[in-house]
Amino acid sequence: MHPGLNHLLFVSTSLFFIGVYGFFTRRNLVTILMSVELILNSVNLNFIAFNKYLWPHRLDGAFFTVFVIAIAAAEAAVAIAIIINLYRSHQSIDVEKAEELKY
């Protein structure tokens, strides 16, 4: 493996596990959303790293990255709209107080 790829994979793995840790330990919906974005950014970094070092003359990784960014933007817009509506109805964005959204 190329040494630069190892460094990028280490950074990507670190971002992924920081995002997973934030997703499972935080109770605020905004920080959970930021954790999901960290996970998606680590995936984007993997796409770009493998594209650069394994297939440098192809753009598959860049296309997947643009697709993931578009999906993440749509996901963030929908999640922020849900968070705003939850705050308006419950005056809180705590996950524990969103019990009635389960059913």
Protein backbone atom coordinates (compact mmCIF):
# COMPACT_ATOMS: atom_id res chain seq x y z
CA MET A 1 0.00 0.00 0.00
CA HIS A 2 1.11 3.54 -0.65
CA PRO A 3 2.22 5.45 2.52
CA GLY A 4 -0.05 8.40 1.72
CA LEU A 5 -3.02 6.07 1.53
CA ASN A 6 -2.27 4.77 5.03
CA HIS A 7 -2.36 8.28 6.45
CA LEU A 8 -5.62 9.12 4.72
CA LEU A 9 -7.20 5.86 5.89
CA PHE A 10 -6.10 6.61 9.46
CA VAL A 11 -7.71 10.07 9.33
CA SER A 12 -10.84 8.62 7.74
CA THR A 13 -11.11 5.87 10.36
CA SER A 14 -10.63 8.43 13.13
CA LEU A 15 -13.39 10.62 11.70
CA PHE A 16 -15.68 7.62 11.36
CA PHE A 17 -15.27 6.47 14.95
CA ILE A 18 -15.55 10.01 16.33
CA GLY A 19 -18.84 10.27 14.43
CA VAL A 20 -20.07 6.90 15.71
CA TYR A 21 -19.13 7.84 19.27
CA GLY A 22 -20.94 11.16 18.96
CA PHE A 23 -23.99 9.48 17.45
CA PHE A 24 -24.34 6.98 20.29
CA THR A 25 -23.44 9.20 23.24
CA ARG A 26 -25.05 12.58 22.52
CA ARG A 27 -28.61 13.46 23.41
CA ASN A 28 -28.90 16.71 21.46
CA LEU A 29 -30.35 16.22 17.97
CA VAL A 30 -28.08 18.83 16.38
CA THR A 31 -24.93 17.10 17.65
CA ILE A 32 -26.29 13.76 16.45
CA LEU A 33 -26.80 15.31 13.02
CA MET A 34 -23.22 16.64 13.07
CA SER A 35 -22.00 13.15 13.98
CA VAL A 36 -23.79 11.67 10.99
CA GLU A 37 -22.15 14.31 8.80
CA LEU A 38 -18.73 13.30 10.20
CA ILE A 39 -19.43 9.69 9.26
CA LEU A 40 -20.43 10.70 5.72
CA ASN A 41 -17.31 12.86 5.38
CA SER A 42 -15.12 9.92 6.39
CA VAL A 43 -16.77 7.86 3.65
CA ASN A 44 -16.08 10.68 1.17
CA LEU A 45 -12.44 10.74 2.22
CA ASN A 46 -12.23 6.99 1.60
CA PHE A 47 -13.74 7.37 -1.86
CA ILE A 48 -11.25 10.08 -2.82
CA ALA A 49 -8.24 8.30 -1.28
CA PHE A 50 -8.90 4.99 -3.00
CA ASN A 51 -9.66 6.77 -6.24
CA LYS A 52 -6.36 8.67 -6.12
CA TYR A 53 -4.08 5.81 -5.15
CA LEU A 54 -5.69 2.76 -6.75
CA TRP A 55 -7.32 4.13 -9.90
CA PRO A 56 -5.71 7.53 -10.56
CA HIS A 57 -7.02 7.86 -14.12
CA ARG A 58 -10.67 7.25 -13.27
CA LEU A 59 -13.19 9.56 -11.62
CA ASP A 60 -15.47 7.00 -9.96
CA GLY A 61 -14.51 8.08 -6.44
CA ALA A 62 -15.14 11.73 -7.24
CA PHE A 63 -18.58 10.93 -8.69
CA PHE A 64 -19.54 8.89 -5.63
CA THR A 65 -18.30 11.70 -3.39
CA VAL A 66 -20.44 14.29 -5.18
CA PHE A 67 -23.42 11.94 -4.91
CA VAL A 68 -22.84 11.44 -1.14
CA ILE A 69 -22.51 15.21 -0.64
CA ALA A 70 -25.84 15.77 -2.42
CA ILE A 71 -27.55 13.08 -0.34
CA ALA A 72 -26.01 14.52 2.87
CA ALA A 73 -27.29 18.00 2.00
CA ALA A 74 -30.81 16.67 1.47
CA GLU A 75 -30.60 14.64 4.68
CA ALA A 76 -29.42 17.68 6.63
CA ALA A 77 -32.23 19.84 5.26
CA VAL A 78 -34.90 17.30 6.22
CA ALA A 79 -33.32 16.68 9.65
CA ILE A 80 -33.11 20.40 10.44
CA ALA A 81 -36.75 20.83 9.45
CA ILE A 82 -37.72 17.99 11.80
CA ILE A 83 -35.58 19.47 14.59
CA ILE A 84 -37.18 22.91 14.15
CA ASN A 85 -40.69 21.42 14.29
CA LEU A 86 -39.75 19.36 17.33
CA TYR A 87 -38.40 22.44 19.08
CA ARG A 88 -41.55 24.40 18.29
CA SER A 89 -43.80 21.73 19.73
CA HIS A 90 -41.72 20.59 22.75
CA GLN A 91 -39.38 23.56 23.44
CA SER A 92 -36.46 21.11 23.48
CA ILE A 93 -34.27 19.18 21.05
CA ASP A 94 -33.32 16.49 23.55
CA VAL A 95 -33.67 12.97 22.17
CA GLU A 96 -35.26 11.68 25.37
CA LYS A 97 -38.10 14.20 25.06
CA ALA A 98 -38.96 13.09 21.54
CA GLU A 99 -40.67 9.91 22.73
CA GLU A 100 -43.92 10.53 20.84
CA LEU A 101 -42.12 10.52 17.48
CA LYS A 102 -41.56 6.77 17.85
CA TYR A 103 -45.10 5.73 16.94
